[in-house]
C-alpha cells in the first residue's frame, strides 16, 4: 500500500452575493480541470465597498488534490 501524494493550487473566487458563493464558484470552476479534489482552505478574505455597502466578496483558496498514476 502506498501513501497518498497531494498537490496544492491557489485560486481566487469572487461573488457579489456572499463569501460562500465565492468559495463554491472557485471550487466548481477548479473541478472542471482538476480531478480528485480533496480539501480546501480559505487563506484570505477581502471585499470591495461602494457607497458604504459591500459590493463584492473575494476569497483566496488553497485547493488540495490527489496525484494519481
PDB file of N, CA and C in Angstrom:
ATOM      1  N   UNK A   1       0.842  -1.182   0.000  1.00  0.00           N
ATOM      2  CA  UNK A   1       0.000   0.000   0.000  1.00  0.00           C
ATOM      3  C   UNK A   1       0.886   1.242   0.000  1.00  0.00           C
ATOM      4  N   UNK A   2       0.609   2.184  -0.884  1.00  0.00           N
ATOM      5  CA  UNK A   2       1.421   3.396  -0.950  1.00  0.00           C
ATOM      6  C   UNK A   2       0.714   4.559  -0.266  1.00  0.00           C
ATOM      7  N   UNK A   3       1.512   5.530   0.121  1.00  0.00           N
ATOM      8  CA  UNK A   3       0.964   6.746   0.714  1.00  0.00           C
ATOM      9  C   UNK A   3       0.371   7.619  -0.388  1.00  0.00           C
ATOM     10  N   UNK A   4      -0.601   8.434  -0.032  1.00  0.00           N
ATOM     11  CA  UNK A   4      -1.173   9.369  -0.991  1.00  0.00           C
ATOM     12  C   UNK A   4      -0.274  10.592  -1.094  1.00  0.00           C
ATOM     13  N   UNK A   5      -0.190  11.154  -2.285  1.00  0.00           N
ATOM     14  CA  UNK A   5       0.566  12.372  -2.530  1.00  0.00           C
ATOM     15  C   UNK A   5      -0.408  13.421  -3.048  1.00  0.00           C
ATOM     16  N   UNK A   6      -0.318  14.623  -2.504  1.00  0.00           N
ATOM     17  CA  UNK A   6      -1.229  15.697  -2.877  1.00  0.00           C
ATOM     18  C   UNK A   6      -0.465  16.881  -3.459  1.00  0.00           C
ATOM     19  N   UNK A   7      -1.125  17.604  -4.319  1.00  0.00           N
ATOM     20  CA  UNK A   7      -0.620  18.862  -4.850  1.00  0.00           C
ATOM     21  C   UNK A   7      -1.589  19.949  -4.402  1.00  0.00           C
ATOM     22  N   UNK A   8      -1.082  21.153  -4.229  1.00  0.00           N
ATOM     23  CA  UNK A   8      -1.910  22.273  -3.804  1.00  0.00           C
ATOM     24  C   UNK A   8      -1.841  23.365  -4.861  1.00  0.00           C
ATOM     25  N   UNK A   9      -2.996  23.898  -5.211  1.00  0.00           N
ATOM     26  CA  UNK A   9      -3.057  25.034  -6.118  1.00  0.00           C
ATOM     27  C   UNK A   9      -3.791  26.169  -5.428  1.00  0.00           C
ATOM     28  N   UNK A  10      -3.492  27.378  -5.807  1.00  0.00           N
ATOM     29  CA  UNK A  10      -4.146  28.544  -5.202  1.00  0.00           C
ATOM     30  C   UNK A  10      -5.018  29.219  -6.243  1.00  0.00           C
ATOM     31  N   UNK A  11      -6.262  29.502  -5.865  1.00  0.00           N
ATOM     32  CA  UNK A  11      -7.204  30.182  -6.756  1.00  0.00           C
ATOM     33  C   UNK A  11      -7.915  31.283  -5.973  1.00  0.00           C
ATOM     34  N   UNK A  12      -8.503  32.210  -6.706  1.00  0.00           N
ATOM     35  CA  UNK A  12      -9.274  33.297  -6.093  1.00  0.00           C
ATOM     36  C   UNK A  12     -10.685  33.235  -6.653  1.00  0.00           C
ATOM     37  N   UNK A  13     -11.665  33.180  -5.747  1.00  0.00           N
ATOM     38  CA  UNK A  13     -13.068  33.177  -6.141  1.00  0.00           C
ATOM     39  C   UNK A  13     -13.701  34.506  -5.781  1.00  0.00           C
ATOM     40  N   UNK A  14     -14.653  34.950  -6.605  1.00  0.00           N
ATOM     41  CA  UNK A  14     -15.347  36.207  -6.345  1.00  0.00           C
ATOM     42  C   UNK A  14     -16.847  36.024  -6.456  1.00  0.00           C
ATOM     43  N   UNK A  15     -17.576  36.897  -5.774  1.00  0.00           N
ATOM     44  CA  UNK A  15     -19.028  36.878  -5.843  1.00  0.00           C
ATOM     45  C   UNK A  15     -19.576  38.222  -5.380  1.00  0.00           C
ATOM     46  N   UNK A  16     -20.666  38.634  -5.975  1.00  0.00           N
ATOM     47  CA  UNK A  16     -21.362  39.829  -5.497  1.00  0.00           C
ATOM     48  C   UNK A  16     -22.391  39.466  -4.433  1.00  0.00           C
ATOM     49  N   UNK A  17     -22.590  38.164  -4.211  1.00  0.00           N
ATOM     50  CA  UNK A  17     -23.632  37.691  -3.304  1.00  0.00           C
ATOM     51  C   UNK A  17     -23.121  37.363  -1.908  1.00  0.00           C
ATOM     52  N   UNK A  18     -22.067  36.494  -1.813  1.00  0.00           N
ATOM     53  CA  UNK A  18     -21.612  36.051  -0.490  1.00  0.00           C
ATOM     54  C   UNK A  18     -20.234  35.405  -0.572  1.00  0.00           C
ATOM     55  N   UNK A  19     -19.630  35.264   0.585  1.00  0.00           N
ATOM     56  CA  UNK A  19     -18.354  34.553   0.686  1.00  0.00           C
ATOM     57  C   UNK A  19     -18.545  33.098   0.292  1.00  0.00           C
ATOM     58  N   UNK A  20     -19.646  32.498   0.726  1.00  0.00           N
ATOM     59  CA  UNK A  20     -19.915  31.098   0.397  1.00  0.00           C
ATOM     60  C   UNK A  20     -20.027  30.889  -1.108  1.00  0.00           C
ATOM     61  N   UNK A  21     -20.656  31.821  -1.807  1.00  0.00           N
ATOM     62  CA  UNK A  21     -20.764  31.711  -3.265  1.00  0.00           C
ATOM     63  C   UNK A  21     -19.400  31.869  -3.934  1.00  0.00           C
ATOM     64  N   UNK A  22     -18.557  32.724  -3.371  1.00  0.00           N
ATOM     65  CA  UNK A  22     -17.207  32.889  -3.911  1.00  0.00           C
ATOM     66  C   UNK A  22     -16.414  31.594  -3.758  1.00  0.00           C
ATOM     67  N   UNK A  23     -16.550  30.941  -2.608  1.00  0.00           N
ATOM     68  CA  UNK A  23     -15.868  29.669  -2.357  1.00  0.00           C
ATOM     69  C   UNK A  23     -16.393  28.592  -3.310  1.00  0.00           C
ATOM     70  N   UNK A  24     -17.705  28.456  -3.360  1.00  0.00           N
ATOM     71  CA  UNK A  24     -18.308  27.424  -4.220  1.00  0.00           C
ATOM     72  C   UNK A  24     -17.954  27.631  -5.684  1.00  0.00           C
ATOM     73  N   UNK A  25     -17.982  28.873  -6.134  1.00  0.00           N
ATOM     74  CA  UNK A  25     -17.640  29.163  -7.520  1.00  0.00           C
ATOM     75  C   UNK A  25     -16.202  28.792  -7.847  1.00  0.00           C
ATOM     76  N   UNK A  26     -15.290  29.091  -6.923  1.00  0.00           N
ATOM     77  CA  UNK A  26     -13.882  28.759  -7.134  1.00  0.00           C
ATOM     78  C   UNK A  26     -13.671  27.247  -7.201  1.00  0.00           C
ATOM     79  N   UNK A  27     -14.327  26.524  -6.310  1.00  0.00           N
ATOM     80  CA  UNK A  27     -14.180  25.062  -6.298  1.00  0.00           C
ATOM     81  C   UNK A  27     -14.839  24.449  -7.532  1.00  0.00           C
ATOM     82  N   UNK A  28     -16.031  24.914  -7.877  1.00  0.00           N
ATOM     83  CA  UNK A  28     -16.724  24.392  -9.064  1.00  0.00           C
ATOM     84  C   UNK A  28     -15.887  24.595 -10.328  1.00  0.00           C
ATOM     85  N   UNK A  29     -15.320  25.773 -10.469  1.00  0.00           N
ATOM     86  CA  UNK A  29     -14.521  26.060 -11.670  1.00  0.00           C
ATOM     87  C   UNK A  29     -13.235  25.246 -11.683  1.00  0.00           C
ATOM     88  N   UNK A  30     -12.586  25.118 -10.543  1.00  0.00           N
ATOM     89  CA  UNK A  30     -11.363  24.326 -10.460  1.00  0.00           C
ATOM     90  C   UNK A  30     -11.647  22.863 -10.787  1.00  0.00           C
ATOM     91  N   UNK A  31     -12.781  22.355 -10.323  1.00  0.00           N
ATOM     92  CA  UNK A  31     -13.149  20.955 -10.555  1.00  0.00           C
ATOM     93  C   UNK A  31     -13.386  20.648 -12.034  1.00  0.00           C
ATOM     94  N   UNK A  32     -13.563  21.676 -12.858  1.00  0.00           N
ATOM     95  CA  UNK A  32     -13.721  21.450 -14.303  1.00  0.00           C
ATOM     96  C   UNK A  32     -12.416  20.973 -14.943  1.00  0.00           C
ATOM     97  N   UNK A  33     -11.273  21.297 -14.326  1.00  0.00           N
ATOM     98  CA  UNK A  33      -9.989  20.933 -14.928  1.00  0.00           C
ATOM     99  C   UNK A  33      -9.081  20.120 -14.007  1.00  0.00           C
ATOM    100  N   UNK A  34      -9.452  20.000 -12.748  1.00  0.00           N
ATOM    101  CA  UNK A  34      -8.622  19.257 -11.785  1.00  0.00           C
ATOM    102  C   UNK A  34      -9.453  18.116 -11.202  1.00  0.00           C
ATOM    103  N   UNK A  35      -8.882  16.899 -11.224  1.00  0.00           N
ATOM    104  CA  UNK A  35      -9.580  15.736 -10.673  1.00  0.00           C
ATOM    105  C   UNK A  35      -9.155  15.495  -9.225  1.00  0.00           C
ATOM    106  N   UNK A  36      -9.959  14.756  -8.511  1.00  0.00           N
ATOM    107  CA  UNK A  36      -9.652  14.258  -7.174  1.00  0.00           C
ATOM    108  C   UNK A  36      -9.351  15.355  -6.163  1.00  0.00           C
ATOM    109  N   UNK A  37     -10.157  16.437  -6.201  1.00  0.00           N
ATOM    110  CA  UNK A  37     -10.034  17.478  -5.177  1.00  0.00           C
ATOM    111  C   UNK A  37     -10.472  16.886  -3.848  1.00  0.00           C
ATOM    112  N   UNK A  38      -9.646  17.094  -2.830  1.00  0.00           N
ATOM    113  CA  UNK A  38      -9.950  16.507  -1.531  1.00  0.00           C
ATOM    114  C   UNK A  38     -10.234  17.505  -0.428  1.00  0.00           C
ATOM    115  N   UNK A  39      -9.738  18.719  -0.558  1.00  0.00           N
ATOM    116  CA  UNK A  39      -9.927  19.692   0.518  1.00  0.00           C
ATOM    117  C   UNK A  39      -9.651  21.103   0.015  1.00  0.00           C
ATOM    118  N   UNK A  40     -10.075  22.081   0.817  1.00  0.00           N
ATOM    119  CA  UNK A  40      -9.746  23.476   0.531  1.00  0.00           C
ATOM    120  C   UNK A  40      -9.521  24.209   1.844  1.00  0.00           C
ATOM    121  N   UNK A  41      -8.789  25.302   1.736  1.00  0.00           N
ATOM    122  CA  UNK A  41      -8.505  26.156   2.885  1.00  0.00           C
ATOM    123  C   UNK A  41      -8.643  27.603   2.430  1.00  0.00           C
ATOM    124  N   UNK A  42      -9.442  28.389   3.140  1.00  0.00           N
ATOM    125  CA  UNK A  42      -9.552  29.815   2.834  1.00  0.00           C
ATOM    126  C   UNK A  42      -8.381  30.513   3.514  1.00  0.00           C
ATOM    127  N   UNK A  43      -7.532  31.167   2.722  1.00  0.00           N
ATOM    128  CA  UNK A  43      -6.349  31.823   3.281  1.00  0.00           C
ATOM    129  C   UNK A  43      -6.512  33.332   3.395  1.00  0.00           C
ATOM    130  N   UNK A  44      -7.388  33.904   2.583  1.00  0.00           N
ATOM    131  CA  UNK A  44      -7.638  35.346   2.644  1.00  0.00           C
ATOM    132  C   UNK A  44      -9.099  35.621   2.308  1.00  0.00           C
ATOM    133  N   UNK A  45      -9.649  36.620   2.960  1.00  0.00           N
ATOM    134  CA  UNK A  45     -10.994  37.090   2.647  1.00  0.00           C
ATOM    135  C   UNK A  45     -10.925  38.606   2.496  1.00  0.00           C
ATOM    136  N   UNK A  46     -11.439  39.085   1.373  1.00  0.00           N
ATOM    137  CA  UNK A  46     -11.435  40.516   1.108  1.00  0.00           C
ATOM    138  C   UNK A  46     -12.791  40.930   0.565  1.00  0.00           C
ATOM    139  N   UNK A  47     -13.006  42.213   0.489  1.00  0.00           N
ATOM    140  CA  UNK A  47     -14.231  42.715  -0.107  1.00  0.00           C
ATOM    141  C   UNK A  47     -14.029  44.089  -0.691  1.00  0.00           C
ATOM    142  N   UNK A  48     -14.998  44.495  -1.476  1.00  0.00           N
ATOM    143  CA  UNK A  48     -14.986  45.802  -2.116  1.00  0.00           C
ATOM    144  C   UNK A  48     -16.230  46.547  -1.640  1.00  0.00           C
ATOM    145  N   UNK A  49     -16.046  47.792  -1.236  1.00  0.00           N
ATOM    146  CA  UNK A  49     -17.145  48.598  -0.707  1.00  0.00           C
ATOM    147  C   UNK A  49     -17.450  49.738  -1.674  1.00  0.00           C
ATOM    148  N   UNK A  50     -18.743  49.902  -1.964  1.00  0.00           N
ATOM    149  CA  UNK A  50     -19.208  51.002  -2.810  1.00  0.00           C
ATOM    150  C   UNK A  50     -20.346  51.702  -2.072  1.00  0.00           C
ATOM    151  N   UNK A  51     -20.226  53.000  -1.907  1.00  0.00           N
ATOM    152  CA  UNK A  51     -21.256  53.801  -1.229  1.00  0.00           C
ATOM    153  C   UNK A  51     -21.615  53.243   0.140  1.00  0.00           C
ATOM    154  N   UNK A  52     -20.604  52.783   0.871  1.00  0.00           N
ATOM    155  CA  UNK A  52     -20.821  52.303   2.230  1.00  0.00           C
ATOM    156  C   UNK A  52     -21.426  50.921   2.347  1.00  0.00           C
ATOM    157  N   UNK A  53     -21.521  50.185   1.251  1.00  0.00           N
ATOM    158  CA  UNK A  53     -22.104  48.836   1.273  1.00  0.00           C
ATOM    159  C   UNK A  53     -21.155  47.850   0.594  1.00  0.00           C
ATOM    160  N   UNK A  54     -21.219  46.595   1.044  1.00  0.00           N
ATOM    161  CA  UNK A  54     -20.395  45.549   0.433  1.00  0.00           C
ATOM    162  C   UNK A  54     -20.895  45.315  -0.991  1.00  0.00           C
ATOM    163  N   UNK A  55     -19.980  45.459  -1.937  1.00  0.00           N
ATOM    164  CA  UNK A  55     -20.354  45.284  -3.340  1.00  0.00           C
ATOM    165  C   UNK A  55     -19.810  43.990  -3.919  1.00  0.00           C
ATOM    166  N   UNK A  56     -18.733  43.465  -3.314  1.00  0.00           N
ATOM    167  CA  UNK A  56     -18.072  42.313  -3.909  1.00  0.00           C
ATOM    168  C   UNK A  56     -17.276  41.572  -2.840  1.00  0.00           C
ATOM    169  N   UNK A  57     -17.358  40.252  -2.836  1.00  0.00           N
ATOM    170  CA  UNK A  57     -16.569  39.407  -1.938  1.00  0.00           C
ATOM    171  C   UNK A  57     -15.483  38.715  -2.753  1.00  0.00           C
ATOM    172  N   UNK A  58     -14.307  38.554  -2.147  1.00  0.00           N
ATOM    173  CA  UNK A  58     -13.205  37.872  -2.816  1.00  0.00           C
ATOM    174  C   UNK A  58     -12.491  36.997  -1.790  1.00  0.00           C
ATOM    175  N   UNK A  59     -12.283  35.723  -2.134  1.00  0.00           N
ATOM    176  CA  UNK A  59     -11.590  34.794  -1.236  1.00  0.00           C
ATOM    177  C   UNK A  59     -10.464  34.092  -1.981  1.00  0.00           C
ATOM    178  N   UNK A  60      -9.354  33.931  -1.287  1.00  0.00           N
ATOM    179  CA  UNK A  60      -8.243  33.156  -1.824  1.00  0.00           C
ATOM    180  C   UNK A  60      -8.297  31.778  -1.190  1.00  0.00           C
ATOM    181  N   UNK A  61      -8.229  30.748  -2.020  1.00  0.00           N
ATOM    182  CA  UNK A  61      -8.317  29.366  -1.552  1.00  0.00           C
ATOM    183  C   UNK A  61      -7.066  28.599  -1.935  1.00  0.00           C
ATOM    184  N   UNK A  62      -6.637  27.744  -1.043  1.00  0.00           N
ATOM    185  CA  UNK A  62      -5.669  26.701  -1.380  1.00  0.00           C
ATOM    186  C   UNK A  62      -6.505  25.441  -1.550  1.00  0.00           C
ATOM    187  N   UNK A  63      -6.401  24.819  -2.703  1.00  0.00           N
ATOM    188  CA  UNK A  63      -7.193  23.625  -3.004  1.00  0.00           C
ATOM    189  C   UNK A  63      -6.223  22.455  -3.174  1.00  0.00           C
ATOM    190  N   UNK A  64      -6.458  21.392  -2.417  1.00  0.00           N
ATOM    191  CA  UNK A  64      -5.601  20.212  -2.481  1.00  0.00           C
ATOM    192  C   UNK A  64      -6.252  19.099  -3.287  1.00  0.00           C
ATOM    193  N   UNK A  65      -5.435  18.466  -4.124  1.00  0.00           N
ATOM    194  CA  UNK A  65      -5.950  17.336  -4.901  1.00  0.00           C
ATOM    195  C   UNK A  65      -4.902  16.247  -4.958  1.00  0.00           C
ATOM    196  N   UNK A  66      -5.387  15.018  -5.072  1.00  0.00           N
ATOM    197  CA  UNK A  66      -4.519  13.843  -5.038  1.00  0.00           C
ATOM    198  C   UNK A  66      -3.870  13.623  -6.396  1.00  0.00           C
ATOM    199  N   UNK A  67      -2.572  13.333  -6.387  1.00  0.00           N
ATOM    200  CA  UNK A  67      -1.863  12.971  -7.609  1.00  0.00           C
ATOM    201  C   UNK A  67      -2.020  11.481  -7.845  1.00  0.00           C
ATOM    202  N   UNK A  68      -2.410  11.123  -9.049  1.00  0.00           N
ATOM    203  CA  UNK A  68      -2.628   9.726  -9.415  1.00  0.00           C
ATOM    204  C   UNK A  68      -1.641   9.295 -10.485  1.00  0.00           C
ATOM    205  N   UNK A  69      -1.476   7.987 -10.621  1.00  0.00           N
ATOM    206  CA  UNK A  69      -0.611   7.441 -11.666  1.00  0.00           C
ATOM    207  C   UNK A  69      -1.203   7.678 -13.044  1.00  0.00           C
TER     208      UNK A  69
END
